[in-house]
């Protein structure tokens, strides 16, 4: 799970770089379209969060499905030059991203022993956020060389490949955990 987080966060989650270029250069639009595209991505992320929260449990299967939707939508977004279609795919990209990230984060926390949970989550958040600047530079270089078509194409291919490797590695290893069955340690008065 940590490897998939590292790959997706580095190569696929660089919308702070790619969305402005998509709006201005690829779609030849103005700030209003950029705002709409960002809002649609955010609405998809909200929908994905609501789906993930409504399940009440985490599973590797749902995490992989979220990752497939996230990275597959990016791959399909690569050749588009129409704002409505791009917005539709960005909705699914946001939803898939949130379903994947919520399930991977929760799975890591639940799988870690109590005494190591802080360290494991520290590693997870380094993989999730720490590689963003490097990924942003890479996405910027791809946009400068081949436009958003190349940036989304590379993100989609690398993300789908990483998801395939993770799916093979996780097959049958992480059973679903129901959140309501979690043990909460009792606080002792000081």
C-alpha atoms as a PDB file:
ATOM      1  CA  UNK A   1       0.000   0.000   0.000  1.00  0.00           C
ATOM      2  CA  UNK A   2       2.850   2.355   0.790  1.00  0.00           C
ATOM      3  CA  UNK A   3       4.415   1.723  -2.624  1.00  0.00           C
ATOM      4  CA  UNK A   4       1.147   2.475  -4.403  1.00  0.00           C
ATOM      5  CA  UNK A   5       0.778   5.667  -2.362  1.00  0.00           C
ATOM      6  CA  UNK A   6       4.276   6.731  -3.358  1.00  0.00           C
ATOM      7  CA  UNK A   7       3.621   6.089  -7.067  1.00  0.00           C
ATOM      8  CA  UNK A   8       0.193   7.732  -7.216  1.00  0.00           C
ATOM      9  CA  UNK A   9       1.163  10.764  -5.168  1.00  0.00           C
ATOM     10  CA  UNK A  10       4.342  11.363  -7.147  1.00  0.00           C
ATOM     11  CA  UNK A  11       3.136  10.742 -10.684  1.00  0.00           C
ATOM     12  CA  UNK A  12      -0.649  11.096 -10.655  1.00  0.00           C
ATOM     13  CA  UNK A  13      -1.752  13.684  -8.118  1.00  0.00           C
ATOM     14  CA  UNK A  14      -0.331  16.885  -9.601  1.00  0.00           C
ATOM     15  CA  UNK A  15      -3.506  18.775 -10.393  1.00  0.00           C
ATOM     16  CA  UNK A  16      -2.120  22.003  -8.971  1.00  0.00           C
ATOM     17  CA  UNK A  17       0.199  21.958 -11.999  1.00  0.00           C
ATOM     18  CA  UNK A  18      -1.910  20.271 -14.682  1.00  0.00           C
ATOM     19  CA  UNK A  19      -5.359  21.862 -14.208  1.00  0.00           C
ATOM     20  CA  UNK A  20      -4.279  25.454 -14.957  1.00  0.00           C
ATOM     21  CA  UNK A  21      -2.425  24.261 -18.047  1.00  0.00           C
ATOM     22  CA  UNK A  22      -5.434  22.159 -19.075  1.00  0.00           C
ATOM     23  CA  UNK A  23      -7.774  25.144 -18.773  1.00  0.00           C
ATOM     24  CA  UNK A  24      -5.592  27.813 -20.387  1.00  0.00           C
ATOM     25  CA  UNK A  25      -3.476  25.972 -22.933  1.00  0.00           C
ATOM     26  CA  UNK A  26      -5.320  22.796 -23.892  1.00  0.00           C
ATOM     27  CA  UNK A  27      -8.922  24.040 -23.648  1.00  0.00           C
ATOM     28  CA  UNK A  28      -8.077  27.694 -24.542  1.00  0.00           C
ATOM     29  CA  UNK A  29     -10.358  28.902 -21.752  1.00  0.00           C
ATOM     30  CA  UNK A  30     -10.196  31.529 -19.041  1.00  0.00           C
ATOM     31  CA  UNK A  31     -10.222  31.609 -15.251  1.00  0.00           C
ATOM     32  CA  UNK A  32     -13.942  30.772 -15.089  1.00  0.00           C
ATOM     33  CA  UNK A  33     -13.402  27.382 -16.770  1.00  0.00           C
ATOM     34  CA  UNK A  34     -10.401  26.703 -14.549  1.00  0.00           C
ATOM     35  CA  UNK A  35     -12.590  27.418 -11.514  1.00  0.00           C
ATOM     36  CA  UNK A  36     -15.344  25.130 -12.804  1.00  0.00           C
ATOM     37  CA  UNK A  37     -12.874  22.305 -13.519  1.00  0.00           C
ATOM     38  CA  UNK A  38     -11.403  22.648 -10.030  1.00  0.00           C
ATOM     39  CA  UNK A  39     -14.880  22.687  -8.482  1.00  0.00           C
ATOM     40  CA  UNK A  40     -15.954  19.601 -10.440  1.00  0.00           C
ATOM     41  CA  UNK A  41     -12.819  17.757  -9.282  1.00  0.00           C
ATOM     42  CA  UNK A  42     -13.660  18.809  -5.709  1.00  0.00           C
ATOM     43  CA  UNK A  43     -17.276  17.671  -6.095  1.00  0.00           C
ATOM     44  CA  UNK A  44     -16.012  14.287  -7.253  1.00  0.00           C
ATOM     45  CA  UNK A  45     -13.701  14.134  -4.263  1.00  0.00           C
ATOM     46  CA  UNK A  46     -16.651  14.908  -1.969  1.00  0.00           C
ATOM     47  CA  UNK A  47     -18.736  12.183  -3.614  1.00  0.00           C
ATOM     48  CA  UNK A  48     -15.863   9.721  -3.206  1.00  0.00           C
ATOM     49  CA  UNK A  49     -15.501  10.663   0.455  1.00  0.00           C
ATOM     50  CA  UNK A  50     -19.199  10.084   1.054  1.00  0.00           C
ATOM     51  CA  UNK A  51     -19.017   6.691  -0.665  1.00  0.00           C
ATOM     52  CA  UNK A  52     -15.960   5.680   1.364  1.00  0.00           C
ATOM     53  CA  UNK A  53     -17.544   6.856   4.631  1.00  0.00           C
ATOM     54  CA  UNK A  54     -20.859   5.139   3.950  1.00  0.00           C
ATOM     55  CA  UNK A  55     -19.233   1.715   3.609  1.00  0.00           C
ATOM     56  CA  UNK A  56     -18.219   1.531   7.269  1.00  0.00           C
ATOM     57  CA  UNK A  57     -15.274  -0.739   6.439  1.00  0.00           C
ATOM     58  CA  UNK A  58     -12.125  -0.690   4.381  1.00  0.00           C
ATOM     59  CA  UNK A  59     -10.861  -3.261   1.940  1.00  0.00           C
ATOM     60  CA  UNK A  60      -8.037  -3.705  -0.495  1.00  0.00           C
ATOM     61  CA  UNK A  61     -10.562  -4.368  -3.262  1.00  0.00           C
ATOM     62  CA  UNK A  62     -12.285  -0.990  -2.816  1.00  0.00           C
ATOM     63  CA  UNK A  63      -8.890   0.714  -2.580  1.00  0.00           C
ATOM     64  CA  UNK A  64      -7.807  -0.860  -5.887  1.00  0.00           C
ATOM     65  CA  UNK A  65     -11.112   0.055  -7.549  1.00  0.00           C
ATOM     66  CA  UNK A  66     -10.695   3.658  -6.402  1.00  0.00           C
ATOM     67  CA  UNK A  67      -7.158   3.695  -7.758  1.00  0.00           C
ATOM     68  CA  UNK A  68      -8.317   2.254 -11.091  1.00  0.00           C
ATOM     69  CA  UNK A  69     -11.026   4.919 -11.416  1.00  0.00           C
ATOM     70  CA  UNK A  70      -8.544   7.653 -10.442  1.00  0.00           C
ATOM     71  CA  UNK A  71      -5.763   6.660 -12.828  1.00  0.00           C
ATOM     72  CA  UNK A  72      -8.032   5.363 -15.605  1.00  0.00           C
ATOM     73  CA  UNK A  73      -9.856   8.713 -15.677  1.00  0.00           C
ATOM     74  CA  UNK A  74      -6.527  10.505 -16.018  1.00  0.00           C
ATOM     75  CA  UNK A  75      -5.588   8.297 -18.948  1.00  0.00           C
ATOM     76  CA  UNK A  76      -8.936   9.007 -20.636  1.00  0.00           C
ATOM     77  CA  UNK A  77      -8.500  12.722 -19.926  1.00  0.00           C
ATOM     78  CA  UNK A  78      -5.242  12.893 -21.927  1.00  0.00           C
ATOM     79  CA  UNK A  79      -6.644  13.345 -25.458  1.00  0.00           C
ATOM     80  CA  UNK A  80      -9.608  15.566 -24.549  1.00  0.00           C
ATOM     81  CA  UNK A  81      -9.941  19.133 -25.798  1.00  0.00           C
ATOM     82  CA  UNK A  82     -13.530  19.809 -24.699  1.00  0.00           C
ATOM     83  CA  UNK A  83     -14.331  21.346 -21.300  1.00  0.00           C
ATOM     84  CA  UNK A  84     -17.537  19.390 -20.588  1.00  0.00           C
ATOM     85  CA  UNK A  85     -15.914  16.007 -21.198  1.00  0.00           C
ATOM     86  CA  UNK A  86     -12.820  17.042 -19.256  1.00  0.00           C
ATOM     87  CA  UNK A  87     -15.013  18.144 -16.348  1.00  0.00           C
ATOM     88  CA  UNK A  88     -16.910  14.854 -16.382  1.00  0.00           C
ATOM     89  CA  UNK A  89     -13.688  12.868 -16.211  1.00  0.00           C
ATOM     90  CA  UNK A  90     -12.295  15.162 -13.524  1.00  0.00           C
ATOM     91  CA  UNK A  91     -15.359  14.355 -11.396  1.00  0.00           C
ATOM     92  CA  UNK A  92     -14.528  10.638 -11.642  1.00  0.00           C
ATOM     93  CA  UNK A  93     -10.848  11.381 -11.072  1.00  0.00           C
ATOM     94  CA  UNK A  94     -11.670  13.188  -7.825  1.00  0.00           C
ATOM     95  CA  UNK A  95     -14.049  10.458  -6.682  1.00  0.00           C
ATOM     96  CA  UNK A  96     -11.554   7.686  -7.423  1.00  0.00           C
ATOM     97  CA  UNK A  97      -8.760   9.590  -5.722  1.00  0.00           C
ATOM     98  CA  UNK A  98     -10.715  10.022  -2.505  1.00  0.00           C
ATOM     99  CA  UNK A  99     -11.966   6.426  -2.410  1.00  0.00           C
ATOM    100  CA  UNK A 100      -8.395   5.205  -2.915  1.00  0.00           C
ATOM    101  CA  UNK A 101      -6.790   7.578  -0.411  1.00  0.00           C
ATOM    102  CA  UNK A 102      -9.399   7.028   2.320  1.00  0.00           C
ATOM    103  CA  UNK A 103      -9.097   3.253   2.039  1.00  0.00           C
ATOM    104  CA  UNK A 104      -5.299   3.189   1.843  1.00  0.00           C
ATOM    105  CA  UNK A 105      -4.870   5.552   4.803  1.00  0.00           C
ATOM    106  CA  UNK A 106      -7.351   3.662   6.972  1.00  0.00           C
ATOM    107  CA  UNK A 107      -5.944   0.270   5.964  1.00  0.00           C
ATOM    108  CA  UNK A 108      -2.443   1.365   6.947  1.00  0.00           C
ATOM    109  CA  UNK A 109      -3.662   2.625  10.325  1.00  0.00           C
ATOM    110  CA  UNK A 110      -5.672  -0.501  11.077  1.00  0.00           C
ATOM    111  CA  UNK A 111      -2.914  -2.871   9.997  1.00  0.00           C
ATOM    112  CA  UNK A 112      -0.246  -1.212  12.149  1.00  0.00           C
ATOM    113  CA  UNK A 113       0.274  -2.370  15.733  1.00  0.00           C
ATOM    114  CA  UNK A 114      -0.638   0.272  18.308  1.00  0.00           C
ATOM    115  CA  UNK A 115       2.987   0.928  19.237  1.00  0.00           C
ATOM    116  CA  UNK A 116       3.990   1.554  15.601  1.00  0.00           C
ATOM    117  CA  UNK A 117       0.926   3.368  14.292  1.00  0.00           C
ATOM    118  CA  UNK A 118       2.450   6.857  14.514  1.00  0.00           C
ATOM    119  CA  UNK A 119       5.596   5.796  12.668  1.00  0.00           C
ATOM    120  CA  UNK A 120       3.642   3.987   9.954  1.00  0.00           C
ATOM    121  CA  UNK A 121       1.363   6.969   9.386  1.00  0.00           C
ATOM    122  CA  UNK A 122       4.414   9.243   9.319  1.00  0.00           C
ATOM    123  CA  UNK A 123       5.819   7.125   6.488  1.00  0.00           C
ATOM    124  CA  UNK A 124       2.435   7.107   4.778  1.00  0.00           C
ATOM    125  CA  UNK A 125       2.128  10.884   4.855  1.00  0.00           C
ATOM    126  CA  UNK A 126       5.684  11.308   3.634  1.00  0.00           C
ATOM    127  CA  UNK A 127       4.820   9.088   0.665  1.00  0.00           C
ATOM    128  CA  UNK A 128       1.510  10.950   0.214  1.00  0.00           C
ATOM    129  CA  UNK A 129       2.737  14.561   0.530  1.00  0.00           C
ATOM    130  CA  UNK A 130       6.525  14.467   0.642  1.00  0.00           C
ATOM    131  CA  UNK A 131       7.035  13.579  -2.997  1.00  0.00           C
ATOM    132  CA  UNK A 132       4.609  16.235  -4.255  1.00  0.00           C
ATOM    133  CA  UNK A 133       7.245  18.858  -5.100  1.00  0.00           C
ATOM    134  CA  UNK A 134       9.248  16.365  -7.164  1.00  0.00           C
ATOM    135  CA  UNK A 135       6.072  15.146  -8.864  1.00  0.00           C
ATOM    136  CA  UNK A 136       5.038  18.742  -9.553  1.00  0.00           C
ATOM    137  CA  UNK A 137       8.354  19.441 -11.273  1.00  0.00           C
ATOM    138  CA  UNK A 138       7.971  16.275 -13.340  1.00  0.00           C
ATOM    139  CA  UNK A 139       4.375  17.165 -14.310  1.00  0.00           C
ATOM    140  CA  UNK A 140       5.506  20.691 -15.216  1.00  0.00           C
ATOM    141  CA  UNK A 141       8.254  19.300 -17.441  1.00  0.00           C
ATOM    142  CA  UNK A 142       5.769  16.935 -19.126  1.00  0.00           C
ATOM    143  CA  UNK A 143       3.312  19.805 -19.715  1.00  0.00           C
ATOM    144  CA  UNK A 144       6.097  21.977 -21.154  1.00  0.00           C
ATOM    145  CA  UNK A 145       7.296  19.191 -23.441  1.00  0.00           C
ATOM    146  CA  UNK A 146       4.080  17.606 -24.654  1.00  0.00           C
ATOM    147  CA  UNK A 147       1.199  19.494 -23.091  1.00  0.00           C
ATOM    148  CA  UNK A 148      -1.399  18.114 -20.745  1.00  0.00           C
ATOM    149  CA  UNK A 149      -1.916  15.247 -23.158  1.00  0.00           C
ATOM    150  CA  UNK A 150       1.519  13.884 -22.279  1.00  0.00           C
ATOM    151  CA  UNK A 151       1.213  14.690 -18.570  1.00  0.00           C
ATOM    152  CA  UNK A 152      -2.126  12.884 -18.195  1.00  0.00           C
ATOM    153  CA  UNK A 153      -1.001  10.018 -20.438  1.00  0.00           C
ATOM    154  CA  UNK A 154       2.111   9.372 -18.336  1.00  0.00           C
ATOM    155  CA  UNK A 155       0.158   9.766 -15.090  1.00  0.00           C
ATOM    156  CA  UNK A 156      -2.512   7.325 -16.272  1.00  0.00           C
ATOM    157  CA  UNK A 157      -0.073   4.693 -17.523  1.00  0.00           C
ATOM    158  CA  UNK A 158       2.213   4.853 -14.476  1.00  0.00           C
ATOM    159  CA  UNK A 159      -0.805   4.877 -12.132  1.00  0.00           C
ATOM    160  CA  UNK A 160      -2.472   1.895 -13.795  1.00  0.00           C
ATOM    161  CA  UNK A 161       0.809  -0.029 -13.765  1.00  0.00           C
ATOM    162  CA  UNK A 162       1.324   0.745 -10.067  1.00  0.00           C
ATOM    163  CA  UNK A 163      -2.257  -0.275  -9.336  1.00  0.00           C
ATOM    164  CA  UNK A 164      -1.753  -3.571 -11.169  1.00  0.00           C
ATOM    165  CA  UNK A 165       1.374  -4.363  -9.158  1.00  0.00           C
ATOM    166  CA  UNK A 166      -0.362  -3.428  -5.896  1.00  0.00           C
ATOM    167  CA  UNK A 167      -3.420  -5.531  -6.758  1.00  0.00           C
ATOM    168  CA  UNK A 168      -1.208  -8.553  -7.360  1.00  0.00           C
ATOM    169  CA  UNK A 169       0.686  -7.982  -4.099  1.00  0.00           C
ATOM    170  CA  UNK A 170      -2.431  -7.381  -1.987  1.00  0.00           C
ATOM    171  CA  UNK A 171      -4.533 -10.234  -3.360  1.00  0.00           C
ATOM    172  CA  UNK A 172      -6.033 -12.027  -0.371  1.00  0.00           C
ATOM    173  CA  UNK A 173      -3.727 -10.382   2.198  1.00  0.00           C
ATOM    174  CA  UNK A 174      -5.932  -7.694   3.734  1.00  0.00           C
ATOM    175  CA  UNK A 175      -9.402  -8.738   4.838  1.00  0.00           C
ATOM    176  CA  UNK A 176     -12.022  -6.012   5.221  1.00  0.00           C
ATOM    177  CA  UNK A 177     -12.085  -4.412   8.663  1.00  0.00           C
ATOM    178  CA  UNK A 178     -15.314  -2.996  10.040  1.00  0.00           C
ATOM    179  CA  UNK A 179     -14.737   0.330  11.732  1.00  0.00           C
ATOM    180  CA  UNK A 180     -17.343  -0.379  14.410  1.00  0.00           C
ATOM    181  CA  UNK A 181     -15.286  -3.360  15.644  1.00  0.00           C
ATOM    182  CA  UNK A 182     -12.207  -1.307  16.390  1.00  0.00           C
ATOM    183  CA  UNK A 183     -10.851  -1.452  19.911  1.00  0.00           C
ATOM    184  CA  UNK A 184     -10.544   1.977  21.481  1.00  0.00           C
ATOM    185  CA  UNK A 185      -8.168   2.024  24.452  1.00  0.00           C
ATOM    186  CA  UNK A 186      -9.705   3.286  27.688  1.00  0.00           C
ATOM    187  CA  UNK A 187      -8.229   6.486  29.071  1.00  0.00           C
ATOM    188  CA  UNK A 188      -6.871   6.235  32.579  1.00  0.00           C
ATOM    189  CA  UNK A 189      -7.254   9.287  34.775  1.00  0.00           C
ATOM    190  CA  UNK A 190      -3.976  10.947  35.662  1.00  0.00           C
END
